[in-house]
Protein backbone atom coordinates (compact mmCIF):
# COMPACT_ATOMS: atom_id res chain seq x y z
CA MET A 1 331.60 181.15 -12.30
CA LYS A 2 331.87 181.35 -8.53
CA PRO A 3 334.24 184.18 -7.54
CA GLY A 4 336.79 184.09 -4.76
CA ALA A 5 339.35 181.69 -3.30
CA HIS A 6 338.07 178.12 -3.05
CA TYR A 7 340.17 175.80 -0.93
CA LEU A 8 340.29 172.33 -2.55
CA GLY A 9 342.14 170.49 0.20
CA ASN A 10 345.71 169.14 0.22
CA ASP A 11 347.08 172.70 0.17
CA ARG A 12 345.52 173.49 -3.19
CA CYS A 13 343.32 176.49 -3.89
CA GLU A 14 341.43 177.78 -6.92
CA PHE A 15 341.33 181.56 -7.38
CA THR A 16 338.69 183.20 -9.58
CA VAL A 17 338.03 186.89 -10.19
CA TRP A 18 336.01 188.93 -12.70
CA ALA A 19 338.16 191.63 -14.31
CA PRO A 20 336.91 192.10 -17.89
CA GLN A 21 338.90 195.25 -18.62
CA ALA A 22 342.26 194.02 -17.35
CA GLU A 23 345.01 192.97 -19.75
CA THR A 24 346.74 190.79 -17.15
CA VAL A 25 345.71 189.51 -13.72
CA ALA A 26 347.88 187.71 -11.19
CA VAL A 27 347.33 186.45 -7.67
CA LYS A 28 349.94 187.41 -5.11
CA ILE A 29 350.39 184.69 -2.50
CA GLY A 30 351.50 185.94 0.91
CA LYS A 31 351.71 189.41 2.45
CA SER A 32 355.08 190.17 0.84
CA ASP A 33 356.25 189.32 -2.68
CA ASP A 34 356.43 185.61 -1.92
CA ARG A 35 354.77 184.34 -5.11
CA LEU A 36 353.05 186.00 -8.03
CA LEU A 37 351.02 183.58 -10.14
CA PRO A 38 349.63 184.68 -13.53
CA MET A 39 345.92 183.93 -13.93
CA GLN A 40 344.39 182.60 -17.11
CA PRO A 41 341.58 184.44 -18.95
CA GLN A 42 338.21 182.64 -19.09
CA GLU A 43 334.89 183.42 -20.73
CA GLU A 44 332.98 186.63 -19.96
CA GLY A 45 335.98 188.41 -18.44
CA TYR A 46 336.82 185.95 -15.67
CA TRP A 47 340.37 184.97 -14.69
CA SER A 48 341.37 181.90 -12.75
CA VAL A 49 344.30 179.80 -11.57
CA THR A 50 344.71 176.77 -9.31
CA ALA A 51 347.71 177.02 -7.01
CA ASP A 52 349.62 174.47 -4.93
CA ARG A 53 351.25 175.12 -1.57
CA VAL A 54 348.32 177.26 -0.42
CA SER A 55 346.95 176.27 2.97
CA PRO A 56 344.09 177.79 4.97
CA GLY A 57 345.25 181.01 6.56
CA THR A 58 347.33 182.04 3.55
CA TYR A 59 347.15 185.72 2.64
CA TYR A 60 346.55 186.73 -0.96
CA SER A 61 345.56 189.65 -3.20
CA PHE A 62 345.01 190.29 -6.90
CA GLN A 63 347.37 192.31 -9.09
CA LEU A 64 345.86 194.06 -12.11
CA ASN A 65 347.93 194.91 -15.20
CA GLY A 66 351.21 194.30 -13.40
CA ASP A 67 350.55 197.27 -11.13
CA GLN A 68 348.43 197.79 -8.04
CA THR A 69 347.23 194.90 -5.89
CA TYR A 70 343.81 194.78 -4.25
CA PRO A 71 341.93 192.51 -1.86
CA ASP A 72 339.61 189.94 -3.42
CA PRO A 73 336.14 191.44 -4.11
CA ALA A 74 334.72 188.06 -3.06
CA SER A 75 337.05 187.61 -0.09
CA ARG A 76 335.78 185.19 2.56
CA PHE A 77 337.85 186.80 5.30
CA GLN A 78 339.66 190.11 5.80
CA PRO A 79 341.74 189.54 8.96
CA GLU A 80 343.30 193.02 8.80
CA GLY A 81 340.20 194.93 7.75
CA VAL A 82 338.98 196.41 4.48
CA HIS A 83 342.40 197.62 3.30
CA GLY A 84 344.40 194.50 4.13
CA PRO A 85 344.98 191.34 2.11
CA SER A 86 342.39 188.60 1.86
CA GLN A 87 342.83 185.20 3.49
CA VAL A 88 342.15 181.68 2.28
CA ILE A 89 339.79 179.79 4.58
CA ASP A 90 338.75 176.16 4.83
CA PRO A 91 334.92 176.15 4.91
CA ALA A 92 334.73 172.76 6.63
CA PHE A 93 332.74 172.80 9.87
CA ALA A 94 331.39 170.10 12.17
CA TRP A 95 327.70 170.97 11.91
CA THR A 96 325.29 169.34 14.36
CA ASP A 97 322.04 170.62 12.83
CA ALA A 98 321.33 167.79 10.38
CA ASP A 99 317.80 167.39 11.78
CA TRP A 100 317.01 171.10 11.65
CA ALA A 101 313.85 171.84 9.65
CA SER A 102 313.54 175.60 10.21
CA ILE A 103 310.31 177.34 11.26
CA PRO A 104 307.27 178.21 9.12
CA LEU A 105 307.13 181.92 8.32
CA ALA A 106 303.68 182.30 9.89
CA ASP A 107 305.10 181.22 13.26
CA TRP A 108 308.09 183.58 13.35
CA ILE A 109 308.80 185.84 16.31
CA LEU A 110 311.69 187.92 14.96
CA TYR A 111 314.34 189.64 17.08
CA GLU A 112 316.63 192.13 15.33
CA LEU A 113 320.05 192.66 16.88
CA HIS A 114 323.34 194.39 16.21
CA VAL A 115 326.21 192.05 17.04
CA GLY A 116 328.53 194.78 18.32
CA THR A 117 326.10 196.31 20.83
CA PHE A 118 323.93 193.35 21.81
CA THR A 119 326.50 192.12 24.34
CA PRO A 120 329.45 193.74 26.16
CA GLU A 121 331.84 191.56 24.13
CA GLY A 122 330.24 192.37 20.77
CA THR A 123 330.87 188.93 19.22
CA PHE A 124 329.00 185.96 17.78
CA GLU A 125 330.28 183.83 20.65
CA ALA A 126 328.78 186.16 23.23
CA ILE A 127 325.34 185.92 21.57
CA ILE A 128 325.38 182.16 22.17
CA ASP A 129 325.37 182.80 25.91
CA ARG A 130 322.15 184.83 25.53
CA LEU A 131 320.16 182.30 23.48
CA SER A 132 318.46 180.79 26.54
CA TYR A 133 317.24 184.28 27.43
CA LEU A 134 315.73 184.73 23.96
CA LYS A 135 314.23 181.24 23.98
CA GLU A 136 312.57 181.86 27.33
CA LEU A 137 311.12 185.12 26.03
CA GLY A 138 309.57 183.27 23.10
CA VAL A 139 311.81 184.45 20.28
CA ASN A 140 312.37 181.80 17.61
CA VAL A 141 314.18 183.80 14.88
CA ILE A 142 317.04 186.27 15.27
CA GLU A 143 317.89 188.74 12.54
CA LEU A 144 321.50 189.91 12.45
CA MET A 145 322.24 193.36 11.13
CA PRO A 146 324.85 193.24 8.31
CA ILE A 147 328.10 191.45 9.06
CA GLY A 148 329.97 191.85 5.75
CA GLN A 149 333.43 193.31 6.46
CA PHE A 150 333.19 197.03 7.15
CA PRO A 151 335.87 199.63 8.02
CA GLY A 152 337.16 200.32 11.50
CA ASP A 153 339.86 199.45 13.99
CA ARG A 154 340.32 198.87 17.70
CA PHE A 155 339.55 201.84 19.90
CA SER A 156 340.52 200.39 23.29
CA GLU A 157 342.85 197.71 24.51
CA GLY A 158 341.25 194.29 24.25
CA ASN A 159 338.09 195.59 22.57
CA GLN A 160 337.79 194.41 18.98
CA ALA A 161 334.27 195.74 18.38
CA TYR A 162 334.53 197.99 15.36
CA ARG A 163 331.99 200.81 15.35
CA ASN A 164 329.64 200.44 12.42
CA TRP A 165 326.03 199.47 11.78
CA GLY A 166 327.24 197.23 8.96
CA TYR A 167 325.52 198.95 6.05
CA ASP A 168 328.88 200.39 4.95
CA GLY A 169 330.30 196.96 4.22
CA ALA A 170 332.79 196.72 1.35
CA TYR A 171 333.11 192.90 1.17
CA LEU A 172 329.84 191.03 0.73
CA TYR A 173 331.36 187.58 1.26
CA ALA A 174 333.68 188.33 4.20
CA VAL A 175 332.30 187.85 7.71
CA GLN A 176 333.32 190.74 9.98
CA ASN A 177 336.64 189.86 11.62
CA SER A 178 335.92 191.60 14.95
CA TYR A 179 332.71 189.62 15.39
CA GLY A 180 334.50 186.28 15.07
CA GLY A 181 334.68 185.70 11.32
CA GLY A 182 333.06 182.83 9.45
CA GLU A 183 333.95 180.26 12.09
CA GLY A 184 332.22 182.31 14.77
CA LEU A 185 329.12 182.78 12.64
CA LYS A 186 328.86 179.05 11.99
CA ARG A 187 329.11 178.31 15.71
CA LEU A 188 326.33 180.81 16.39
CA VAL A 189 324.00 179.42 13.71
CA ASP A 190 324.64 175.86 14.85
CA ALA A 191 323.94 176.79 18.48
CA CYS A 192 320.76 178.61 17.47
CA HIS A 193 319.47 175.59 15.61
CA GLN A 194 320.17 173.42 18.61
CA LYS A 195 317.99 175.81 20.64
CA GLY A 196 315.20 175.78 18.06
CA ILE A 197 316.02 179.31 16.88
CA ALA A 198 316.35 180.25 13.20
CA VAL A 199 318.82 182.86 11.93
CA VAL A 200 318.21 185.54 9.29
CA LEU A 201 320.95 187.83 7.98
CA ASP A 202 320.53 191.39 6.76
CA VAL A 203 322.35 191.83 3.43
CA VAL A 204 322.94 195.00 1.41
CA TYR A 205 322.66 194.76 -2.38
CA ASN A 206 321.91 198.41 -3.18
CA HIS A 207 325.38 199.88 -2.57
CA LEU A 208 328.80 199.21 -1.05
CA GLY A 209 330.47 201.30 1.62
CA PRO A 210 332.82 204.11 0.54
CA GLU A 211 335.91 202.93 2.42
CA GLY A 212 337.78 199.83 1.25
CA ASN A 213 335.54 199.65 -1.80
CA TYR A 214 338.01 198.57 -4.50
CA ILE A 215 335.50 196.53 -6.46
CA SER A 216 335.16 199.10 -9.26
CA CYS A 217 338.87 198.63 -10.03
CA PHE A 218 338.00 195.14 -11.29
CA GLY A 219 335.05 195.89 -13.56
CA PRO A 220 331.84 197.85 -14.18
CA PHE A 221 330.07 196.86 -10.98
CA PHE A 222 328.34 200.27 -10.94
CA THR A 223 326.34 202.26 -13.48
CA ASP A 224 325.67 205.96 -13.81
CA ALA A 225 322.29 205.22 -15.39
CA TYR A 226 320.70 205.54 -11.93
CA LYS A 227 321.58 207.37 -8.75
CA THR A 228 321.06 206.16 -5.21
CA PRO A 229 321.46 208.06 -1.92
CA TRP A 230 324.97 206.57 -1.81
CA GLY A 231 326.04 207.35 -5.38
CA SER A 232 326.01 205.30 -8.57
CA ALA A 233 323.75 202.26 -8.58
CA ILE A 234 324.84 198.64 -8.74
CA ASN A 235 324.96 197.59 -12.38
CA PHE A 236 322.11 195.08 -12.65
CA ASP A 237 320.88 195.96 -16.15
CA ASP A 238 323.52 198.01 -17.99
CA ARG A 239 326.36 196.80 -20.24
CA HIS A 240 328.43 193.91 -18.78
CA SER A 241 325.79 193.43 -16.07
CA TYR A 242 325.44 189.65 -16.31
CA PRO A 243 328.59 188.81 -14.28
CA VAL A 244 327.61 191.52 -11.78
CA ARG A 245 324.22 189.85 -11.33
CA GLN A 246 325.93 186.49 -10.83
CA PHE A 247 328.24 188.01 -8.21
CA PHE A 248 325.20 188.94 -6.12
CA VAL A 249 323.19 185.78 -6.83
CA GLU A 250 326.16 183.66 -5.79
CA ASN A 251 326.45 185.76 -2.64
CA VAL A 252 322.86 184.86 -1.72
CA LEU A 253 323.57 181.16 -2.18
CA TYR A 254 326.88 181.47 -0.34
CA TRP A 255 325.22 182.75 2.83
CA LEU A 256 322.42 180.23 2.73
CA GLN A 257 324.45 177.16 1.85
CA GLU A 258 327.76 177.69 3.62
CA TYR A 259 326.33 179.17 6.82
CA HIS A 260 323.03 177.27 7.02
CA LEU A 261 321.11 180.52 7.37
CA ASP A 262 317.33 180.33 7.40
CA GLY A 263 316.81 183.45 5.37
CA LEU A 264 318.04 186.83 4.23
CA ARG A 265 316.62 190.30 4.71
CA LEU A 266 317.42 192.41 1.62
CA ASP A 267 318.06 196.01 2.57
CA ALA A 268 316.23 198.87 0.81
CA ILE A 269 315.32 197.12 -2.42
CA HIS A 270 313.73 200.34 -3.66
CA ALA A 271 317.34 201.44 -4.30
CA ILE A 272 318.01 198.37 -6.46
CA TYR A 273 317.45 199.45 -10.07
CA ASP A 274 316.77 196.92 -12.81
CA LEU A 275 314.56 197.70 -15.80
CA GLY A 276 315.36 194.42 -17.54
CA ALA A 277 312.66 191.87 -18.27
CA TYR A 278 314.03 189.53 -15.58
CA HIS A 279 314.44 191.54 -12.40
CA ILE A 280 317.45 190.66 -10.25
CA LEU A 281 315.16 189.97 -7.27
CA ALA A 282 313.14 187.49 -9.33
CA GLU A 283 316.36 185.81 -10.41
CA ILE A 284 317.50 185.55 -6.81
CA ALA A 285 314.16 184.04 -5.76
CA ASP A 286 314.26 181.54 -8.63
CA ARG A 287 317.81 180.41 -7.85
CA VAL A 288 317.03 179.91 -4.17
CA SER A 289 313.98 177.80 -5.05
CA LYS A 290 315.99 175.67 -7.48
CA GLU A 291 318.97 175.17 -5.18
CA PHE A 292 316.85 174.07 -2.23
CA GLN A 293 314.44 171.71 -3.93
CA GLY A 294 313.56 168.75 -1.74
CA ARG A 295 314.85 170.49 1.39
CA TRP A 296 313.57 173.25 3.63
CA LYS A 297 313.65 176.49 1.72
CA PRO A 298 315.36 179.56 3.20
CA LEU A 299 313.16 182.64 3.08
CA LEU A 300 313.79 186.01 1.44
CA ILE A 301 312.47 189.17 3.10
CA ALA A 302 312.63 192.53 1.36
CA GLU A 303 312.77 195.95 2.93
CA SER A 304 310.83 198.18 0.56
CA ASP A 305 309.57 201.75 0.69
CA LEU A 306 307.34 201.21 -2.34
CA ASN A 307 304.19 199.68 -0.81
CA ASP A 308 304.25 197.46 -3.88
CA PRO A 309 302.75 193.95 -3.58
CA ARG A 310 304.67 192.85 -6.68
CA VAL A 311 307.63 192.41 -4.34
CA ILE A 312 305.98 189.39 -2.70
CA ARG A 313 303.79 188.10 -5.50
CA GLY A 314 305.07 185.01 -7.26
CA CYS A 315 307.05 185.28 -10.47
CA ASP A 316 304.19 183.49 -12.22
CA ARG A 317 302.01 186.50 -11.36
CA GLY A 318 304.50 189.11 -12.54
CA GLY A 319 306.06 189.55 -9.10
CA TYR A 320 309.57 189.21 -7.72
CA GLY A 321 308.88 186.16 -5.55
CA MET A 322 310.12 187.48 -2.21
CA ASP A 323 308.59 185.54 0.67
CA ALA A 324 307.81 188.62 2.78
CA GLN A 325 308.46 192.32 3.03
CA TRP A 326 308.71 194.91 5.77
CA CYS A 327 305.61 197.05 6.22
CA ASP A 328 306.60 200.49 7.49
CA ASP A 329 303.02 201.78 7.34
CA PHE A 330 302.14 199.72 10.43
CA HIS A 331 305.06 201.20 12.35
CA HIS A 332 304.31 204.77 11.27
CA ALA A 333 300.61 204.49 12.10
CA LEU A 334 301.28 203.04 15.56
CA HIS A 335 304.22 205.33 16.38
CA SER A 336 302.29 208.49 15.54
CA LEU A 337 299.41 207.43 17.79
CA LEU A 338 301.72 206.60 20.69
CA THR A 339 303.98 209.67 20.47
CA GLU A 340 301.79 212.24 18.65
CA GLU A 341 304.80 213.09 16.48
CA CYS A 342 303.77 214.80 13.26
CA ILE A 343 306.98 215.65 11.41
CA GLY A 344 308.49 214.04 8.32
CA TYR A 345 306.66 210.96 7.12
CA TYR A 346 304.59 210.92 10.32
CA THR A 347 302.55 213.76 8.79
CA ASP A 348 300.88 211.07 6.65
CA PHE A 349 299.62 209.30 9.77
CA GLY A 350 298.22 210.06 13.21
CA LYS A 351 294.61 208.81 13.01
CA CYS A 352 293.19 205.64 14.53
CA GLU A 353 291.79 204.77 11.12
CA HIS A 354 295.34 204.59 9.76
CA LEU A 355 296.23 201.85 12.24
CA ALA A 356 292.93 200.08 11.60
CA LYS A 357 293.57 200.13 7.85
CA ALA A 358 297.06 198.73 8.44
CA TYR A 359 295.49 195.81 10.33
CA ARG A 360 292.96 195.20 7.57
CA ASP A 361 294.99 195.89 4.43
CA SER A 362 298.70 195.97 5.46
CA PHE A 363 299.37 199.13 3.46
CA VAL A 364 297.74 202.33 4.67
CA TYR A 365 298.68 203.99 1.41
CA ASP A 366 297.61 201.76 -1.46
CA TRP A 367 297.33 204.39 -4.17
CA GLN A 368 296.15 207.36 -2.15
CA LEU A 369 297.66 210.82 -2.00
CA ALA A 370 300.40 210.80 0.64
CA PRO A 371 300.79 214.42 1.81
CA HIS A 372 304.42 214.10 2.88
CA ARG A 373 305.40 212.54 -0.44
CA ASN A 374 303.05 214.91 -2.27
CA ARG A 375 302.07 212.15 -4.68
CA PHE A 376 299.92 209.06 -4.88
CA HIS A 377 301.65 206.10 -3.29
CA GLY A 378 301.38 202.32 -3.05
CA ALA A 379 299.03 199.64 -4.34
CA SER A 380 296.55 197.25 -2.74
CA ALA A 381 298.01 194.15 -1.13
CA VAL A 382 294.80 192.54 0.07
CA ASP A 383 295.49 189.51 -2.14
CA CYS A 384 298.64 188.81 -0.08
CA PRO A 385 298.24 187.10 3.32
CA PRO A 386 299.20 189.05 6.47
CA THR A 387 301.96 186.52 7.11
CA GLN A 388 303.92 188.02 4.21
CA PHE A 389 304.41 191.29 6.11
CA VAL A 390 306.98 191.94 8.84
CA VAL A 391 305.93 194.69 11.25
CA CYS A 392 307.47 196.29 14.31
CA THR A 393 307.16 199.08 16.85
CA GLN A 394 310.90 199.79 16.69
CA ASN A 395 313.86 198.82 14.52
CA HIS A 396 317.40 199.99 13.83
CA ASP A 397 316.22 202.55 11.26
CA GLN A 398 313.33 204.04 13.20
CA VAL A 399 315.43 204.37 16.36
CA GLY A 400 318.95 204.89 15.05
CA ASN A 401 318.01 207.42 12.39
CA ARG A 402 316.61 209.76 15.01
CA MET A 403 319.14 212.42 15.96
CA LEU A 404 319.47 211.19 19.54
CA GLY A 405 318.68 207.54 18.86
CA GLU A 406 315.64 207.57 21.15
CA ARG A 407 313.74 204.37 21.72
CA LEU A 408 310.03 204.30 22.53
CA SER A 409 311.04 204.08 26.19
CA HIS A 410 312.36 207.66 25.88
CA LEU A 411 309.32 208.97 24.02
CA THR A 412 306.32 207.39 25.73
CA SER A 413 305.01 206.20 29.09
CA PHE A 414 305.37 202.72 30.53
CA GLU A 415 301.67 202.18 29.81
CA ALA A 416 302.24 203.10 26.16
CA LEU A 417 305.08 200.56 25.93
CA LYS A 418 302.66 197.83 26.98
CA LEU A 419 300.08 199.14 24.52
CA ALA A 420 302.66 199.02 21.73
CA ALA A 421 303.52 195.42 22.62
CA GLY A 422 299.87 194.41 22.47
CA ALA A 423 299.24 196.20 19.17
CA LEU A 424 302.21 194.37 17.67
CA LEU A 425 301.88 190.85 19.04
CA LEU A 426 298.10 190.57 18.66
CA SER A 427 298.37 191.50 14.98
CA PRO A 428 298.14 188.89 12.19
CA PHE A 429 301.53 189.95 10.80
CA ILE A 430 305.05 188.66 11.47
CA PRO A 431 306.19 190.60 14.55
CA MET A 432 309.76 191.82 14.95
CA LEU A 433 311.28 193.09 18.19
CA PHE A 434 314.33 195.34 18.25
CA MET A 435 316.93 194.26 20.80
CA GLY A 436 316.10 195.53 24.28
CA GLU A 437 312.55 196.53 23.37
CA GLU A 438 311.17 193.63 25.39
CA TYR A 439 312.26 195.16 28.70
CA GLY A 440 312.23 198.86 27.82
CA GLU A 441 315.96 199.38 27.25
CA GLU A 442 316.97 202.90 28.26
CA ALA A 443 320.19 203.18 26.26
CA PRO A 444 319.77 204.90 22.90
CA PHE A 445 320.70 203.24 19.65
CA LEU A 446 322.81 205.88 17.94
CA TYR A 447 324.39 206.10 14.52
CA PHE A 448 328.07 205.18 14.79
CA VAL A 449 330.90 204.56 12.33
CA SER A 450 334.65 204.11 12.33
CA HIS A 451 336.47 205.35 9.23
CA GLY A 452 340.15 205.81 8.52
CA ASP A 453 339.84 208.58 5.94
CA PRO A 454 339.77 212.04 7.64
CA ASP A 455 337.86 213.59 4.74
CA LEU A 456 335.24 210.86 4.89
CA ILE A 457 334.94 211.25 8.66
CA GLN A 458 334.30 214.96 8.27
CA ALA A 459 331.80 214.37 5.47
CA VAL A 460 329.82 211.95 7.67
CA ARG A 461 329.81 214.43 10.55
CA GLU A 462 328.65 217.30 8.37
CA GLY A 463 326.04 215.12 6.70
CA ARG A 464 324.50 214.17 10.04
CA LYS A 465 324.42 217.81 11.15
CA ALA A 466 322.72 218.90 7.93
CA GLU A 467 320.19 216.08 8.14
CA PHE A 468 318.95 217.23 11.55
CA ALA A 469 319.48 220.98 11.26
CA ALA A 470 315.72 221.66 11.25
CA PHE A 471 314.94 219.46 14.25
CA HIS A 472 317.22 220.77 17.03
CA CYS A 473 314.27 222.40 18.81
CA GLN A 474 312.67 218.97 19.22
CA ASN A 475 315.74 217.36 20.75
CA ASP A 476 316.02 219.04 24.15
CA GLY A 477 317.77 221.99 22.56
CA GLN A 478 320.69 219.88 21.31
CA SER A 479 321.57 221.26 17.90
CA SER A 480 324.12 218.64 16.80
CA PRO A 481 323.85 214.85 16.73
CA PRO A 482 326.34 212.80 18.75
CA ASP A 483 329.64 212.38 16.90
CA PRO A 484 329.24 209.13 14.91
CA GLU A 485 333.02 208.63 14.95
CA SER A 486 333.32 208.78 18.73
CA PRO A 487 333.80 205.53 20.66
CA ASP A 488 331.44 206.93 23.30
CA THR A 489 328.61 207.04 20.75
CA PHE A 490 329.09 203.33 20.16
CA LEU A 491 329.45 202.43 23.84
CA LYS A 492 326.31 204.36 24.81
CA SER A 493 324.36 202.13 22.41
CA LYS A 494 325.20 198.86 24.16
CA LEU A 495 322.40 197.06 25.98
CA ASN A 496 322.20 197.17 29.77
CA TRP A 497 321.78 193.53 30.69
CA ASN A 498 321.08 194.29 34.34
CA LEU A 499 317.79 196.03 33.50
CA PRO A 500 315.50 193.07 32.67
CA GLN A 501 316.17 191.55 36.08
CA SER A 502 314.15 193.94 38.23
CA GLY A 503 311.45 196.57 38.53
CA LYS A 504 309.35 197.78 35.63
CA HIS A 505 311.81 196.26 33.14
CA GLN A 506 311.22 192.78 34.50
CA VAL A 507 307.45 193.35 34.42
CA LEU A 508 307.58 194.52 30.80
CA TRP A 509 309.71 191.50 29.86
CA SER A 510 307.12 189.18 31.46
CA PHE A 511 304.37 191.08 29.65
CA TYR A 512 306.03 190.45 26.27
CA GLN A 513 306.54 186.80 27.19
CA HIS A 514 302.85 186.47 28.10
CA LEU A 515 301.70 188.10 24.85
CA ILE A 516 303.91 185.80 22.80
CA GLN A 517 302.43 182.81 24.62
CA LEU A 518 298.90 184.03 23.85
CA ARG A 519 299.85 184.51 20.20
CA ARG A 520 301.00 180.89 20.04
CA THR A 521 298.04 179.31 21.81
CA LEU A 522 294.80 181.24 21.21
CA PRO A 523 292.96 179.74 18.20
CA ALA A 524 291.78 183.12 16.89
CA LEU A 525 295.36 184.41 16.88
CA LEU A 526 296.59 181.30 15.11
CA THR A 527 294.20 182.07 12.25
CA ARG A 528 295.95 184.78 10.24
CA ASP A 529 293.61 185.31 7.30
CA ARG A 530 292.29 188.72 6.28
CA GLN A 531 288.82 187.21 6.06
CA CYS A 532 288.94 186.50 9.80
CA LEU A 533 289.81 190.03 10.91
CA ASP A 534 287.96 193.30 11.28
CA THR A 535 288.39 196.60 13.10
CA VAL A 536 286.25 199.17 14.91
CA VAL A 537 287.35 202.79 15.23
CA ARG A 538 286.23 205.49 17.63
CA GLU A 539 288.31 208.36 16.28
CA SER A 540 287.16 211.05 18.73
CA GLU A 541 288.06 208.84 21.71
CA LYS A 542 291.28 207.56 20.05
CA VAL A 543 290.18 203.94 20.39
CA VAL A 544 290.79 201.03 18.01
CA GLY A 545 289.04 197.68 18.32
CA LEU A 546 290.68 194.62 16.75
CA HIS A 547 288.37 191.66 16.12
CA ARG A 548 289.87 188.27 15.16
CA TRP A 549 288.22 184.89 14.91
CA ASN A 550 288.06 181.38 13.47
CA SER A 551 285.29 178.81 13.30
CA HIS A 552 285.16 178.18 17.05
CA HIS A 553 286.92 181.04 18.81
CA GLU A 554 286.71 184.85 18.83
CA LEU A 555 288.98 187.50 20.29
CA PHE A 556 288.37 191.23 20.63
CA CYS A 557 291.05 193.69 21.69
CA VAL A 558 290.18 197.27 22.63
CA MET A 559 293.12 199.70 22.47
CA ASN A 560 292.89 203.15 24.06
CA PHE A 561 295.50 205.54 22.63
CA ASN A 562 294.07 208.45 24.60
CA GLN A 563 296.10 209.82 27.50
CA GLN A 564 292.82 210.12 29.42
CA PRO A 565 290.38 207.44 30.61
CA VAL A 566 287.69 206.61 28.06
CA THR A 567 284.22 205.16 28.66
CA LEU A 568 282.66 203.25 25.77
CA ALA A 569 279.57 201.15 25.21
CA SER A 570 278.33 198.92 22.39
CA LEU A 571 281.82 198.28 21.10
CA LEU A 572 282.04 194.49 21.33
CA PRO A 573 280.25 192.25 18.82
CA GLU A 574 277.19 190.27 19.85
CA GLY A 575 277.72 187.61 22.50
CA ASN A 576 279.10 187.01 25.97
CA TRP A 577 282.80 187.73 26.43
CA HIS A 578 285.44 186.76 28.99
CA ARG A 579 288.36 189.01 29.86
CA ILE A 580 291.79 187.36 29.52
CA LEU A 581 294.16 190.35 29.65
CA ASP A 582 294.11 193.96 30.80
CA SER A 583 297.31 195.95 30.56
CA ALA A 584 296.08 198.29 33.31
CA GLU A 585 296.05 195.52 35.93
CA GLU A 586 298.29 196.04 38.94
CA LYS A 587 300.15 192.81 38.18
CA TRP A 588 301.47 194.63 35.08
CA MET A 589 302.26 197.75 37.17
CA GLY A 590 299.14 199.47 35.86
CA SER A 591 296.91 201.87 37.75
CA GLY A 592 294.35 199.13 38.31
CA SER A 593 291.43 197.89 36.27
CA SER A 594 287.71 198.21 36.99
CA LEU A 595 286.68 196.26 33.90
CA PRO A 596 284.39 193.29 34.52
CA GLU A 597 285.65 189.83 33.70
CA GLU A 598 282.39 188.87 31.99
CA VAL A 599 280.72 191.28 29.59
CA SER A 600 278.18 191.30 26.79
CA THR A 601 277.35 193.63 23.93
CA GLY A 602 276.36 197.04 25.28
CA THR A 603 278.35 196.73 28.52
CA GLU A 604 279.98 200.03 29.38
CA LEU A 605 283.78 199.77 29.46
CA LEU A 606 286.04 202.18 31.34
CA LEU A 607 289.45 202.06 29.69
CA GLN A 608 292.49 203.44 31.50
CA PRO A 609 294.82 205.84 29.62
CA GLN A 610 297.04 204.18 27.00
CA SER A 611 295.84 200.71 27.88
CA PHE A 612 294.25 197.76 26.15
CA VAL A 613 292.00 194.90 27.15
CA VAL A 614 291.47 191.53 25.48
CA TYR A 615 288.21 189.58 25.60
CA GLU A 616 287.50 186.14 24.12
CA ARG A 617 284.56 183.85 23.60
CA SER A 618 283.96 180.38 22.21
CA ILE A 619 281.61 179.92 19.30
């Protein structure tokens, strides 16, 4: 059964909730004791009732056993936050995207953003005003960080932007009220489709946030059979798990069908535990395929720390059937070369060969000993095409989970930022930009929350301090992270929209735009098969060569990760080559290039520090 309040029209509404352990369940209509309607028991522990005189905008909550009342676990809208009553909404919307056909995964240019900090207003509506900017850059898919209702309240007059990344959401079906609710999200998606931009939503199915999380009062949504970093795991395979599974499967379909989303990014699936024969991810993939037969199919992207190709292999091959997965190995390999950081998981990387292997095989660790993990890790994914892997140079985790929220612009030179852009956008994978990366945003992206429970606030503060206790010497002597509860921490994370309009920021923006255009037009870059890619490594010089081709066009990119000039010969394959891009050129605010436009095998190349050059030839 589909949970929640379903408006039927003519002031009638059907209420359904799963509460298998309750003796009685009633729905309270209104914020006061206006009406209390007993619900009727159904199969498998569900309760339901259809009520008259219920119009859109009506408040309601569920009463269990004649005692406490709680918001609806499947609430579509929480106008007063996670502790307030739920609200009936009319899902009708005047969509104008009937001709929308989405975008093939291989052609995606992803752009991850946080609604609250992307614009000064922090709303869906404000994003609409920035779509032309993204379109001009070359972005064709935006990925929204989670928008399920999370805790928080206003911190300044007229500012409704609650401070939270969204991963502490307590209501999986309710669109964050401060962002504009479901109506605002639909307007954004519709506007994106009109601009030729797809929309992907980040959803969290491995835990629920600690505040406003009343779902366990209704039934065994959690199990102690497994532990996650956030506590007990979601009950996907223990006793009474079938309705729990359906709650999450229906949530997937709800986002895709009601909001016309083009896909979902499933957060940290390595913390989703299911030892049953039919994994919950496989069930989700199957249901999406069945529900969207004959139409364009929304795509499912998994974030996984497992380096396990089963995540994206088809169910007929014993996999879970996800369409793509994040590949952190690419990020770690590139980041360690650019910054020379060697702490934490970066101790497993740092060589040019690591980046070269990521280009060739996706996973650097495909059942090798990973020193940081102190165990063998991963499995080979060479049977999966590169277009099933999402890669990045920055994202909310890799920036925001640093103590000071430093972006690459804080950690590397301007030349290295251009090198990072080239390494990403010339790859065969699905590239993802993190908001502001394209112009070298200088504001940090910090960890911020807004809780109402003083004990929880203190626990979060102490947890952040403990997490970074060993790293204060590497953070300019600052021994404590910024207070995640402070409004200033949130405000410091907002983008500076004046930056991309001038100076080096404008040049970097144009550089990203140019690279995206090359990615979309050069035949060798349009061919994204592993069989049409190879690498060359000069470890002592810190140089990586990326060779890509198809039947009539070749491209060779030489990347110098050394902070000194490097002279190399006999690096390019046989043939005559024409230079099409050099990041060291003065037009890109480089130191100037002395590289010849026409070269052949054996030509000596002088590469500027932290630069790259691209040559092509026709076959």
